[in-house]
Amino acid sequence: MTIGIGSDLKTAEIEYSRSLPVKVLAADEFSVQSLMKLGLTEYEARIYVVLVKMGPRNASEISFLGKVPRPKTYGAIRGLESKGLLRIVTGKPERYMAVSPMTS
């Protein structure tokens, strides 16, 4: 009897843990779509969401976390910089941080 209850709880925990990333991903996609409606490209929007949520990152991390092809990452970074939405943090490696639209 205890085994059955434990199994049910474990199943519930597994289902919950599987649904959580999906909800987070859906929220990220909603943010990306909203930013695109405001004039950002898809890659710029993905990068901006990553930087807002995760803080300063290097290009490799941004590419991986934002699911942006590595060759497209630098162009999108430059686009965000030209729009005043991203700041370069000097160092090795170079890091990038989001800038609030209110201060840009």
N, C-alpha and C. Protein backbone atom coordinates (compact mmCIF):
# COMPACT_ATOMS: atom_id res chain seq x y z
N MET A 1 0.82 -1.19 0.00
CA MET A 1 0.00 0.00 0.00
C MET A 1 0.87 1.26 0.00
N THR A 2 1.89 1.32 0.83
CA THR A 2 2.77 2.46 0.88
C THR A 2 3.50 2.64 -0.45
N ILE A 3 3.86 1.55 -1.07
CA ILE A 3 4.54 1.62 -2.36
C ILE A 3 3.65 2.29 -3.38
N GLY A 4 2.36 1.96 -3.40
CA GLY A 4 1.43 2.57 -4.34
C GLY A 4 1.32 4.08 -4.12
N ILE A 5 1.25 4.51 -2.87
CA ILE A 5 1.15 5.95 -2.58
C ILE A 5 2.43 6.64 -3.00
N GLY A 6 3.57 6.04 -2.66
CA GLY A 6 4.86 6.62 -3.03
C GLY A 6 5.00 6.74 -4.55
N SER A 7 4.55 5.72 -5.25
CA SER A 7 4.63 5.76 -6.71
C SER A 7 3.76 6.88 -7.27
N ASP A 8 2.56 7.04 -6.71
CA ASP A 8 1.67 8.10 -7.18
C ASP A 8 2.29 9.47 -6.94
N LEU A 9 2.89 9.66 -5.77
CA LEU A 9 3.53 10.93 -5.47
C LEU A 9 4.71 11.19 -6.39
N LYS A 10 5.48 10.15 -6.63
CA LYS A 10 6.63 10.30 -7.51
C LYS A 10 6.16 10.66 -8.92
N THR A 11 5.11 10.02 -9.39
CA THR A 11 4.56 10.33 -10.71
C THR A 11 4.10 11.77 -10.76
N ALA A 12 3.41 12.23 -9.70
CA ALA A 12 2.94 13.61 -9.65
C ALA A 12 4.12 14.58 -9.69
N GLU A 13 5.19 14.26 -8.94
CA GLU A 13 6.38 15.12 -8.94
C GLU A 13 7.02 15.17 -10.31
N ILE A 14 7.12 14.03 -10.98
CA ILE A 14 7.72 13.98 -12.31
C ILE A 14 6.87 14.80 -13.29
N GLU A 15 5.55 14.63 -13.24
CA GLU A 15 4.68 15.39 -14.13
C GLU A 15 4.80 16.88 -13.87
N TYR A 16 4.88 17.26 -12.59
CA TYR A 16 5.02 18.67 -12.24
C TYR A 16 6.34 19.22 -12.76
N SER A 17 7.43 18.48 -12.55
CA SER A 17 8.73 18.97 -12.98
C SER A 17 8.81 19.06 -14.50
N ARG A 18 8.10 18.20 -15.20
CA ARG A 18 8.09 18.26 -16.66
C ARG A 18 7.27 19.46 -17.15
N SER A 19 6.20 19.78 -16.45
CA SER A 19 5.35 20.88 -16.90
C SER A 19 5.95 22.24 -16.58
N LEU A 20 6.76 22.33 -15.55
CA LEU A 20 7.33 23.62 -15.15
C LEU A 20 8.19 24.24 -16.25
N PRO A 21 9.17 23.54 -16.82
CA PRO A 21 9.96 24.17 -17.89
C PRO A 21 9.11 24.58 -19.09
N VAL A 22 8.07 23.83 -19.37
CA VAL A 22 7.21 24.17 -20.50
C VAL A 22 6.55 25.51 -20.24
N LYS A 23 6.08 25.75 -19.01
CA LYS A 23 5.45 27.01 -18.67
C LYS A 23 6.45 28.16 -18.74
N VAL A 24 7.66 27.92 -18.26
CA VAL A 24 8.69 28.95 -18.31
C VAL A 24 9.02 29.25 -19.77
N LEU A 25 9.17 28.22 -20.59
CA LEU A 25 9.46 28.40 -22.00
C LEU A 25 8.35 29.18 -22.69
N ALA A 26 7.09 28.87 -22.35
CA ALA A 26 5.97 29.59 -22.94
C ALA A 26 6.03 31.07 -22.57
N ALA A 27 6.41 31.38 -21.34
CA ALA A 27 6.53 32.78 -20.92
C ALA A 27 7.64 33.46 -21.69
N ASP A 28 8.75 32.76 -21.90
CA ASP A 28 9.85 33.33 -22.67
C ASP A 28 9.41 33.60 -24.11
N GLU A 29 8.71 32.67 -24.70
CA GLU A 29 8.25 32.85 -26.07
C GLU A 29 7.27 34.01 -26.17
N PHE A 30 6.44 34.16 -25.15
CA PHE A 30 5.52 35.30 -25.13
C PHE A 30 6.31 36.60 -25.08
N SER A 31 7.36 36.64 -24.27
CA SER A 31 8.22 37.83 -24.18
C SER A 31 8.89 38.12 -25.52
N VAL A 32 9.39 37.08 -26.16
CA VAL A 32 10.04 37.24 -27.46
C VAL A 32 9.05 37.79 -28.48
N GLN A 33 7.86 37.22 -28.53
CA GLN A 33 6.85 37.68 -29.49
C GLN A 33 6.46 39.14 -29.21
N SER A 34 6.35 39.50 -27.93
CA SER A 34 6.00 40.88 -27.57
C SER A 34 7.09 41.86 -28.01
N LEU A 35 8.35 41.49 -27.80
CA LEU A 35 9.46 42.35 -28.21
C LEU A 35 9.54 42.48 -29.73
N MET A 36 9.20 41.41 -30.44
CA MET A 36 9.20 41.46 -31.90
C MET A 36 8.13 42.43 -32.40
N LYS A 37 6.99 42.48 -31.70
CA LYS A 37 5.93 43.43 -32.08
C LYS A 37 6.39 44.88 -31.88
N LEU A 38 7.38 45.06 -30.99
CA LEU A 38 7.91 46.40 -30.73
C LEU A 38 9.07 46.75 -31.66
N GLY A 39 9.42 45.84 -32.58
CA GLY A 39 10.43 46.17 -33.59
C GLY A 39 11.75 45.44 -33.51
N LEU A 40 11.93 44.55 -32.53
CA LEU A 40 13.17 43.78 -32.47
C LEU A 40 13.06 42.59 -33.41
N THR A 41 14.20 42.14 -33.92
CA THR A 41 14.21 40.90 -34.70
C THR A 41 14.05 39.74 -33.72
N GLU A 42 13.78 38.57 -34.24
CA GLU A 42 13.63 37.40 -33.36
C GLU A 42 14.90 37.16 -32.54
N TYR A 43 16.06 37.22 -33.19
CA TYR A 43 17.31 36.97 -32.47
C TYR A 43 17.60 38.06 -31.44
N GLU A 44 17.33 39.31 -31.78
CA GLU A 44 17.52 40.39 -30.81
C GLU A 44 16.61 40.18 -29.60
N ALA A 45 15.36 39.80 -29.86
CA ALA A 45 14.41 39.57 -28.78
C ALA A 45 14.85 38.41 -27.90
N ARG A 46 15.30 37.32 -28.50
CA ARG A 46 15.76 36.16 -27.72
C ARG A 46 16.95 36.54 -26.84
N ILE A 47 17.89 37.28 -27.40
CA ILE A 47 19.07 37.69 -26.65
C ILE A 47 18.68 38.63 -25.52
N TYR A 48 17.81 39.57 -25.79
CA TYR A 48 17.39 40.53 -24.76
C TYR A 48 16.71 39.81 -23.60
N VAL A 49 15.84 38.85 -23.90
CA VAL A 49 15.16 38.09 -22.84
C VAL A 49 16.18 37.33 -22.00
N VAL A 50 17.16 36.71 -22.64
CA VAL A 50 18.21 35.98 -21.90
C VAL A 50 18.95 36.93 -20.96
N LEU A 51 19.34 38.08 -21.47
CA LEU A 51 20.13 39.02 -20.65
C LEU A 51 19.31 39.61 -19.51
N VAL A 52 18.05 39.86 -19.74
CA VAL A 52 17.19 40.39 -18.66
C VAL A 52 17.03 39.34 -17.57
N LYS A 53 16.81 38.09 -17.97
CA LYS A 53 16.57 37.03 -16.99
C LYS A 53 17.83 36.50 -16.33
N MET A 54 18.93 36.46 -17.08
CA MET A 54 20.14 35.79 -16.59
C MET A 54 21.27 36.73 -16.21
N GLY A 55 21.16 38.00 -16.55
CA GLY A 55 22.23 38.94 -16.26
C GLY A 55 23.32 38.88 -17.31
N PRO A 56 24.42 39.61 -17.09
CA PRO A 56 25.50 39.68 -18.08
C PRO A 56 26.03 38.29 -18.47
N ARG A 57 26.22 38.08 -19.76
CA ARG A 57 26.70 36.81 -20.31
C ARG A 57 27.63 37.07 -21.46
N ASN A 58 28.46 36.07 -21.80
CA ASN A 58 29.30 36.19 -22.99
C ASN A 58 28.53 35.67 -24.20
N ALA A 59 29.08 35.86 -25.38
CA ALA A 59 28.37 35.53 -26.62
C ALA A 59 28.03 34.04 -26.71
N SER A 60 28.92 33.20 -26.26
CA SER A 60 28.67 31.75 -26.32
C SER A 60 27.48 31.38 -25.45
N GLU A 61 27.43 31.91 -24.24
CA GLU A 61 26.30 31.63 -23.35
C GLU A 61 25.00 32.18 -23.92
N ILE A 62 25.06 33.38 -24.47
CA ILE A 62 23.88 34.01 -25.06
C ILE A 62 23.35 33.15 -26.21
N SER A 63 24.25 32.69 -27.06
CA SER A 63 23.87 31.86 -28.20
C SER A 63 23.18 30.59 -27.73
N PHE A 64 23.77 29.93 -26.74
CA PHE A 64 23.22 28.67 -26.23
C PHE A 64 21.88 28.90 -25.52
N LEU A 65 21.84 29.82 -24.58
CA LEU A 65 20.64 30.05 -23.78
C LEU A 65 19.49 30.62 -24.60
N GLY A 66 19.81 31.44 -25.60
CA GLY A 66 18.77 32.06 -26.40
C GLY A 66 18.38 31.27 -27.63
N LYS A 67 19.09 30.15 -27.84
CA LYS A 67 18.86 29.33 -29.04
C LYS A 67 19.00 30.17 -30.31
N VAL A 68 20.07 30.96 -30.32
CA VAL A 68 20.41 31.80 -31.47
C VAL A 68 21.63 31.19 -32.14
N PRO A 69 21.60 30.95 -33.45
CA PRO A 69 22.79 30.41 -34.11
C PRO A 69 24.01 31.30 -33.84
N ARG A 70 25.11 30.68 -33.52
CA ARG A 70 26.31 31.43 -33.14
C ARG A 70 26.69 32.49 -34.18
N PRO A 71 26.69 32.19 -35.48
CA PRO A 71 27.07 33.22 -36.46
C PRO A 71 26.13 34.43 -36.45
N LYS A 72 24.89 34.26 -36.00
CA LYS A 72 23.92 35.35 -35.97
C LYS A 72 23.96 36.15 -34.67
N THR A 73 24.64 35.62 -33.67
CA THR A 73 24.64 36.23 -32.34
C THR A 73 25.25 37.62 -32.35
N TYR A 74 26.42 37.78 -32.97
CA TYR A 74 27.10 39.08 -32.93
C TYR A 74 26.33 40.17 -33.67
N GLY A 75 25.69 39.82 -34.80
CA GLY A 75 24.88 40.80 -35.51
C GLY A 75 23.70 41.27 -34.67
N ALA A 76 23.05 40.33 -33.99
CA ALA A 76 21.92 40.69 -33.14
C ALA A 76 22.39 41.51 -31.93
N ILE A 77 23.57 41.18 -31.40
CA ILE A 77 24.14 41.96 -30.28
C ILE A 77 24.38 43.39 -30.73
N ARG A 78 24.97 43.55 -31.90
CA ARG A 78 25.24 44.91 -32.43
C ARG A 78 23.93 45.67 -32.68
N GLY A 79 22.90 44.95 -33.14
CA GLY A 79 21.60 45.57 -33.35
C GLY A 79 21.01 46.09 -32.04
N LEU A 80 21.11 45.28 -30.99
CA LEU A 80 20.61 45.70 -29.68
C LEU A 80 21.42 46.88 -29.14
N GLU A 81 22.73 46.84 -29.38
CA GLU A 81 23.59 47.95 -28.93
C GLU A 81 23.21 49.24 -29.64
N SER A 82 22.96 49.16 -30.94
CA SER A 82 22.61 50.37 -31.69
C SER A 82 21.24 50.92 -31.28
N LYS A 83 20.38 50.05 -30.75
CA LYS A 83 19.07 50.49 -30.27
C LYS A 83 19.13 50.95 -28.81
N GLY A 84 20.30 50.86 -28.21
CA GLY A 84 20.46 51.30 -26.82
C GLY A 84 19.93 50.32 -25.79
N LEU A 85 19.75 49.06 -26.19
CA LEU A 85 19.18 48.07 -25.28
C LEU A 85 20.21 47.11 -24.70
N LEU A 86 21.47 47.30 -25.07
CA LEU A 86 22.53 46.41 -24.63
C LEU A 86 23.80 47.21 -24.41
N ARG A 87 24.55 46.84 -23.39
CA ARG A 87 25.83 47.48 -23.11
C ARG A 87 26.92 46.41 -23.09
N ILE A 88 28.07 46.74 -23.65
CA ILE A 88 29.21 45.83 -23.66
C ILE A 88 30.01 46.02 -22.39
N VAL A 89 30.32 44.91 -21.72
CA VAL A 89 31.15 44.93 -20.53
C VAL A 89 32.52 44.44 -20.97
N THR A 90 33.50 45.32 -20.95
CA THR A 90 34.83 44.95 -21.45
C THR A 90 35.47 43.91 -20.55
N GLY A 91 36.32 43.11 -21.16
CA GLY A 91 37.02 42.05 -20.46
C GLY A 91 37.28 40.91 -21.41
N LYS A 92 37.86 39.86 -20.88
CA LYS A 92 38.12 38.65 -21.67
C LYS A 92 37.42 37.49 -21.00
N PRO A 93 36.41 36.92 -21.55
CA PRO A 93 35.76 37.34 -22.79
C PRO A 93 34.85 38.55 -22.55
N GLU A 94 34.52 39.21 -23.64
CA GLU A 94 33.60 40.33 -23.59
C GLU A 94 32.24 39.81 -23.13
N ARG A 95 31.58 40.58 -22.27
CA ARG A 95 30.25 40.20 -21.79
C ARG A 95 29.27 41.29 -22.19
N TYR A 96 28.01 40.94 -22.17
CA TYR A 96 26.96 41.86 -22.60
C TYR A 96 25.87 41.89 -21.54
N MET A 97 25.31 43.08 -21.33
CA MET A 97 24.22 43.19 -20.36
C MET A 97 23.09 44.01 -20.95
N ALA A 98 21.87 43.66 -20.52
CA ALA A 98 20.68 44.36 -21.00
C ALA A 98 20.61 45.75 -20.35
N VAL A 99 20.09 46.69 -21.11
CA VAL A 99 19.86 48.04 -20.62
C VAL A 99 18.34 48.25 -20.65
N SER A 100 17.80 48.80 -19.60
CA SER A 100 16.37 49.07 -19.55
C SER A 100 15.98 50.08 -20.63
N PRO A 101 14.86 49.83 -21.30
CA PRO A 101 14.40 50.80 -22.30
C PRO A 101 14.13 52.18 -21.69
N MET A 102 13.87 52.22 -20.40
CA MET A 102 13.59 53.47 -19.71
C MET A 102 14.85 54.35 -19.60
N THR A 103 16.02 53.72 -19.59
CA THR A 103 17.27 54.49 -19.46
C THR A 103 17.97 54.69 -20.78
N SER A 104 17.52 53.99 -21.82
CA SER A 104 18.21 54.13 -23.11
C SER A 104 17.72 55.31 -23.91
